[in-house]
Amino acid sequence: MRTILSGPSGLRRESDSYAVTAEFYDILQADADEARVRRLYARQIADARTGVLDVGAGTGRVTMLALADSWADVHAVEPARAMRTSLLTRLAALPSEQRDRVTVHPHTLDETALDAVADVAVCHNMVGCLPPGVREKLWPALGRALTPGGSLFVQLPPARLPARTVVRLLADKRVGTHVYGGRMTMSAAGYRIRTRADYWVRDAEDVLREYTETFWMWPATRAQLTRELAAHGFAPLPGYEESELLAVTLRGRR
């Protein structure tokens, strides 16, 4: 099927980020990430009453937890088409009672104009992927999307550049006669972290396919992010000082 748009169009070009990683993420990394998501956010999400906001939803680990463990509406924000396709495929398999509670937004949060839709917001594994200037647009958008007194939980990015190159192998997974594998390589590049993802598919004799995708990350400390959020009406929640999460509450509308 071919779609043709003629004349002026208000449609914006969608992000093709993660076009390679989307194929491999669920098979190689999602099980470990699902366990991490449950450990980090299960209690907080279960307490949601107005709604849960999943910013940078990816293939949907936080979204699926919210649908399973709360009765609140869920807003999943994912601008990358490849990741969003996997998310929507997962949602399509749910019972209609759950599917009716989730809305998928195909743009960045500052472009969605969400207003007081959630009392719990989660930024899982995404803040470090935002340049400082883009990150500054995220905080006021979160302030608008949360209800006063709502809580925001941010998985902290790396606090500093890696001192040396770090390589992490991903456990092989078999699918039929093929074996999927990969590795993540992180290294300092100026003021940023270069993360290269290498993926491959092989059979018993040969490597059948190989792909590489590169991502950039920007380090930020807990203190730095706390200061940025304070400027937009957020105050720290007690009890998270030693956690890998930054937890804040929205004091009121600015």
Protein backbone atom coordinates (compact mmCIF):
# COMPACT_ATOMS: atom_id res chain seq x y z
CA MET A 1 0.00 0.00 0.00
CA ARG A 2 1.28 3.45 -0.89
CA THR A 3 0.09 6.66 0.77
CA ILE A 4 0.32 9.92 -1.15
CA LEU A 5 -0.09 13.34 0.47
CA SER A 6 -0.85 16.14 -1.96
CA GLY A 7 -0.78 19.83 -1.15
CA PRO A 8 0.28 21.48 2.12
CA SER A 9 0.35 19.24 5.14
CA GLY A 10 0.54 19.96 8.85
CA LEU A 11 2.07 16.56 9.51
CA ARG A 12 5.55 16.75 11.02
CA ARG A 13 8.32 14.37 10.07
CA GLU A 14 8.50 11.59 12.64
CA SER A 15 11.67 10.55 14.38
CA ASP A 16 13.44 7.49 12.98
CA SER A 17 15.60 7.13 16.08
CA TYR A 18 16.09 3.57 17.32
CA ALA A 19 15.20 2.13 13.91
CA VAL A 20 17.79 -0.62 14.40
CA THR A 21 17.53 -1.04 18.17
CA ALA A 22 13.74 -1.49 18.07
CA GLU A 23 14.17 -4.85 16.32
CA PHE A 24 16.59 -6.16 18.94
CA TYR A 25 15.55 -4.47 22.17
CA ASP A 26 12.72 -6.76 23.25
CA ILE A 27 14.55 -9.97 22.50
CA LEU A 28 17.88 -8.94 24.09
CA GLN A 29 17.14 -6.44 26.86
CA ALA A 30 13.47 -6.24 27.75
CA ASP A 31 13.35 -9.05 30.34
CA ALA A 32 16.02 -7.42 32.48
CA ASP A 33 14.45 -4.00 31.97
CA GLU A 34 11.01 -5.29 32.95
CA ALA A 35 12.41 -6.54 36.26
CA ARG A 36 14.17 -3.19 36.81
CA VAL A 37 10.98 -1.24 36.05
CA ARG A 38 8.98 -3.30 38.52
CA ARG A 39 11.64 -2.87 41.21
CA LEU A 40 11.88 0.89 40.71
CA TYR A 41 8.28 1.95 40.11
CA ALA A 42 5.76 -0.74 41.11
CA ARG A 43 4.83 0.77 44.47
CA GLN A 44 4.61 4.32 43.15
CA ILE A 45 2.52 3.37 40.12
CA ALA A 46 0.11 1.31 42.22
CA ASP A 47 -0.67 4.49 44.20
CA ALA A 48 -1.70 6.48 41.10
CA ARG A 49 -5.27 7.75 41.11
CA THR A 50 -5.58 10.39 38.37
CA GLY A 51 -3.21 8.93 35.81
CA VAL A 52 0.26 7.64 34.99
CA LEU A 53 2.48 9.48 32.53
CA ASP A 54 5.21 7.40 30.86
CA VAL A 55 7.67 9.78 29.18
CA GLY A 56 9.88 8.08 26.62
CA ALA A 57 7.75 4.95 26.74
CA GLY A 58 9.89 2.94 24.32
CA THR A 59 8.41 -0.51 23.79
CA GLY A 60 6.21 -0.08 26.85
CA ARG A 61 7.63 -1.60 30.03
CA VAL A 62 6.42 1.21 32.32
CA THR A 63 3.15 1.51 30.40
CA MET A 64 2.41 -2.21 30.73
CA LEU A 65 3.18 -2.12 34.45
CA ALA A 66 0.82 0.82 34.89
CA LEU A 67 -1.99 -0.95 33.06
CA ALA A 68 -1.51 -4.11 35.11
CA ASP A 69 -0.97 -2.60 38.57
CA SER A 70 -3.20 0.48 38.62
CA TRP A 71 -6.71 1.46 37.59
CA ALA A 72 -5.59 4.90 36.40
CA ASP A 73 -5.52 6.16 32.83
CA VAL A 74 -2.10 5.96 31.19
CA HIS A 75 -0.42 8.39 28.80
CA ALA A 76 2.53 6.92 26.90
CA VAL A 77 4.73 9.52 25.19
CA GLU A 78 7.02 8.09 22.50
CA PRO A 79 8.17 10.16 19.51
CA ALA A 80 10.32 7.43 17.89
CA ARG A 81 8.22 5.56 15.35
CA ALA A 82 10.19 2.31 15.57
CA MET A 83 9.79 2.04 19.34
CA ARG A 84 6.16 3.17 19.19
CA THR A 85 5.36 0.44 16.67
CA SER A 86 6.53 -2.20 19.15
CA LEU A 87 4.55 -0.50 21.92
CA LEU A 88 1.34 -0.44 19.89
CA THR A 89 1.80 -4.08 18.87
CA ARG A 90 2.03 -4.97 22.55
CA LEU A 91 -1.05 -2.89 23.40
CA ALA A 92 -3.04 -4.50 20.59
CA ALA A 93 -2.80 -7.86 22.36
CA LEU A 94 -4.34 -6.53 25.60
CA PRO A 95 -7.98 -6.90 26.66
CA SER A 96 -10.08 -3.92 25.63
CA GLU A 97 -10.59 -2.88 29.29
CA GLN A 98 -6.85 -2.18 29.55
CA ARG A 99 -6.39 -0.88 26.03
CA ASP A 100 -9.14 1.69 26.54
CA ARG A 101 -7.18 3.25 29.41
CA VAL A 102 -4.00 4.06 27.48
CA THR A 103 -3.33 6.87 25.03
CA VAL A 104 -0.14 6.84 22.95
CA HIS A 105 1.28 10.26 22.04
CA PRO A 106 3.62 10.30 19.01
CA HIS A 107 5.46 13.52 19.84
CA THR A 108 7.73 14.86 22.57
CA LEU A 109 6.01 15.83 25.81
CA ASP A 110 6.32 19.58 25.22
CA GLU A 111 4.43 19.10 21.93
CA THR A 112 1.54 17.10 23.40
CA ALA A 113 -0.01 19.93 25.48
CA LEU A 114 -1.09 17.54 28.22
CA ASP A 115 -2.61 19.37 31.18
CA ALA A 116 -3.01 17.82 34.66
CA VAL A 117 -3.56 14.30 33.30
CA ALA A 118 -1.48 12.36 35.84
CA ASP A 119 -0.48 12.28 39.49
CA VAL A 120 2.48 9.96 38.80
CA ALA A 121 5.03 10.54 36.04
CA VAL A 122 7.99 8.32 35.15
CA CYS A 123 11.06 9.16 33.07
CA HIS A 124 12.76 5.79 32.77
CA ASN A 125 16.09 5.48 30.96
CA MET A 126 15.56 8.63 28.91
CA VAL A 127 16.73 11.85 30.61
CA GLY A 128 20.38 11.11 29.87
CA CYS A 129 19.53 10.96 26.16
CA LEU A 130 18.44 14.61 26.12
CA PRO A 131 20.83 17.49 25.46
CA PRO A 132 20.65 20.11 28.25
CA GLY A 133 18.65 22.51 26.09
CA VAL A 134 16.06 19.86 25.27
CA ARG A 135 15.96 18.74 28.90
CA GLU A 136 15.03 22.27 29.90
CA LYS A 137 11.88 21.96 27.77
CA LEU A 138 10.91 18.73 29.50
CA TRP A 139 10.59 20.09 33.06
CA PRO A 140 7.88 22.73 32.42
CA ALA A 141 5.99 20.25 30.23
CA LEU A 142 6.01 17.80 33.14
CA GLY A 143 4.81 20.58 35.44
CA ARG A 144 1.82 21.12 33.15
CA ALA A 145 1.06 17.43 32.70
CA LEU A 146 1.09 16.62 36.44
CA THR A 147 -1.59 17.55 38.94
CA PRO A 148 -0.48 19.75 41.88
CA GLY A 149 1.06 17.44 44.47
CA GLY A 150 1.81 14.85 41.80
CA SER A 151 5.07 12.91 41.86
CA LEU A 152 7.81 12.57 39.25
CA PHE A 153 10.31 9.70 39.25
CA VAL A 154 13.40 10.12 37.08
CA GLN A 155 15.94 7.35 36.57
CA LEU A 156 19.22 9.18 37.03
CA PRO A 157 21.57 9.36 34.05
CA PRO A 158 25.32 8.83 34.45
CA ALA A 159 26.69 11.55 36.71
CA ARG A 160 29.98 11.87 34.85
CA LEU A 161 31.84 10.79 31.74
CA PRO A 162 33.25 7.25 31.81
CA ALA A 163 36.95 7.21 32.71
CA ARG A 164 37.55 4.40 30.22
CA THR A 165 35.65 2.56 27.51
CA VAL A 166 33.02 0.23 28.98
CA VAL A 167 31.77 -2.80 27.02
CA ARG A 168 28.69 -4.78 28.05
CA LEU A 169 27.78 -7.97 26.25
CA LEU A 170 24.08 -8.78 25.91
CA ALA A 171 23.10 -12.39 26.58
CA ASP A 172 22.39 -14.38 23.41
CA LYS A 173 18.78 -15.32 22.75
CA ARG A 174 17.68 -18.09 20.41
CA VAL A 175 14.70 -17.70 18.10
CA GLY A 176 14.18 -20.87 16.13
CA THR A 177 17.43 -21.67 14.31
CA HIS A 178 18.78 -18.13 14.73
CA VAL A 179 20.70 -16.66 17.65
CA TYR A 180 20.43 -12.92 18.40
CA GLY A 181 23.26 -11.15 20.19
CA GLY A 182 24.72 -7.75 20.84
CA ARG A 183 26.97 -5.52 22.89
CA MET A 184 26.86 -1.94 24.18
CA THR A 185 30.05 0.17 24.18
CA MET A 186 30.20 3.44 26.14
CA SER A 187 33.05 5.94 25.85
CA ALA A 188 33.68 9.62 26.51
CA ALA A 189 33.54 11.94 23.51
CA GLY A 190 34.12 15.53 24.55
CA TYR A 191 31.35 16.49 26.98
CA ARG A 192 29.10 13.62 25.86
CA ILE A 193 28.95 9.86 26.22
CA ARG A 194 29.02 7.91 22.98
CA THR A 195 27.00 4.69 23.21
CA ARG A 196 27.41 2.30 20.31
CA ALA A 197 25.07 -0.65 19.99
CA ASP A 198 26.26 -3.57 17.89
CA TYR A 199 23.78 -6.31 17.01
CA TRP A 200 24.03 -9.53 15.06
CA VAL A 201 22.00 -12.54 14.02
CA ARG A 202 23.73 -15.86 13.32
CA ASP A 203 22.91 -19.46 12.64
CA ALA A 204 25.00 -22.51 13.46
CA GLU A 205 27.66 -21.59 10.90
CA ASP A 206 27.62 -17.93 9.90
CA VAL A 207 26.75 -14.41 10.93
CA LEU A 208 23.67 -13.63 8.86
CA ARG A 209 23.18 -9.95 9.69
CA GLU A 210 25.07 -7.23 11.55
CA TYR A 211 23.98 -3.71 12.51
CA THR A 212 25.38 -0.77 14.44
CA GLU A 213 23.51 2.17 15.94
CA THR A 214 25.06 5.06 17.88
CA PHE A 215 23.40 7.11 20.62
CA TRP A 216 24.59 10.12 22.59
CA MET A 217 24.13 10.76 26.30
CA TRP A 218 24.70 13.83 28.46
CA PRO A 219 25.85 13.27 32.07
CA ALA A 220 23.99 15.08 34.86
CA THR A 221 24.25 14.81 38.64
CA ARG A 222 21.38 14.45 41.08
CA ALA A 223 22.13 17.93 42.43
CA GLN A 224 22.10 19.45 38.95
CA LEU A 225 18.75 17.91 38.01
CA THR A 226 17.27 18.85 41.39
CA ARG A 227 18.20 22.50 40.78
CA GLU A 228 16.72 22.44 37.28
CA LEU A 229 13.46 20.94 38.55
CA ALA A 230 13.25 23.36 41.48
CA ALA A 231 13.07 26.23 39.00
CA HIS A 232 9.83 24.71 37.70
CA GLY A 233 8.09 24.12 41.02
CA PHE A 234 9.38 20.66 41.97
CA ALA A 235 10.64 19.76 45.45
CA PRO A 236 12.53 16.56 46.44
CA LEU A 237 10.61 13.69 48.03
CA PRO A 238 12.31 12.23 51.11
CA GLY A 239 13.64 8.68 51.17
CA TYR A 240 15.28 8.56 47.75
CA GLU A 241 18.67 10.06 48.56
CA GLU A 242 20.49 6.74 48.05
CA SER A 243 18.26 5.50 45.24
CA GLU A 244 19.03 5.41 41.52
CA LEU A 245 15.88 7.51 41.20
CA LEU A 246 15.39 11.23 41.59
CA ALA A 247 11.93 11.65 43.13
CA VAL A 248 10.21 15.03 43.30
CA THR A 249 6.74 16.42 43.89
CA LEU A 250 5.03 19.31 42.15
CA ARG A 251 4.44 22.06 44.71
CA GLY A 252 2.00 24.05 42.61
CA ARG A 253 1.41 25.69 39.26
CA ARG A 254 3.82 28.41 38.23
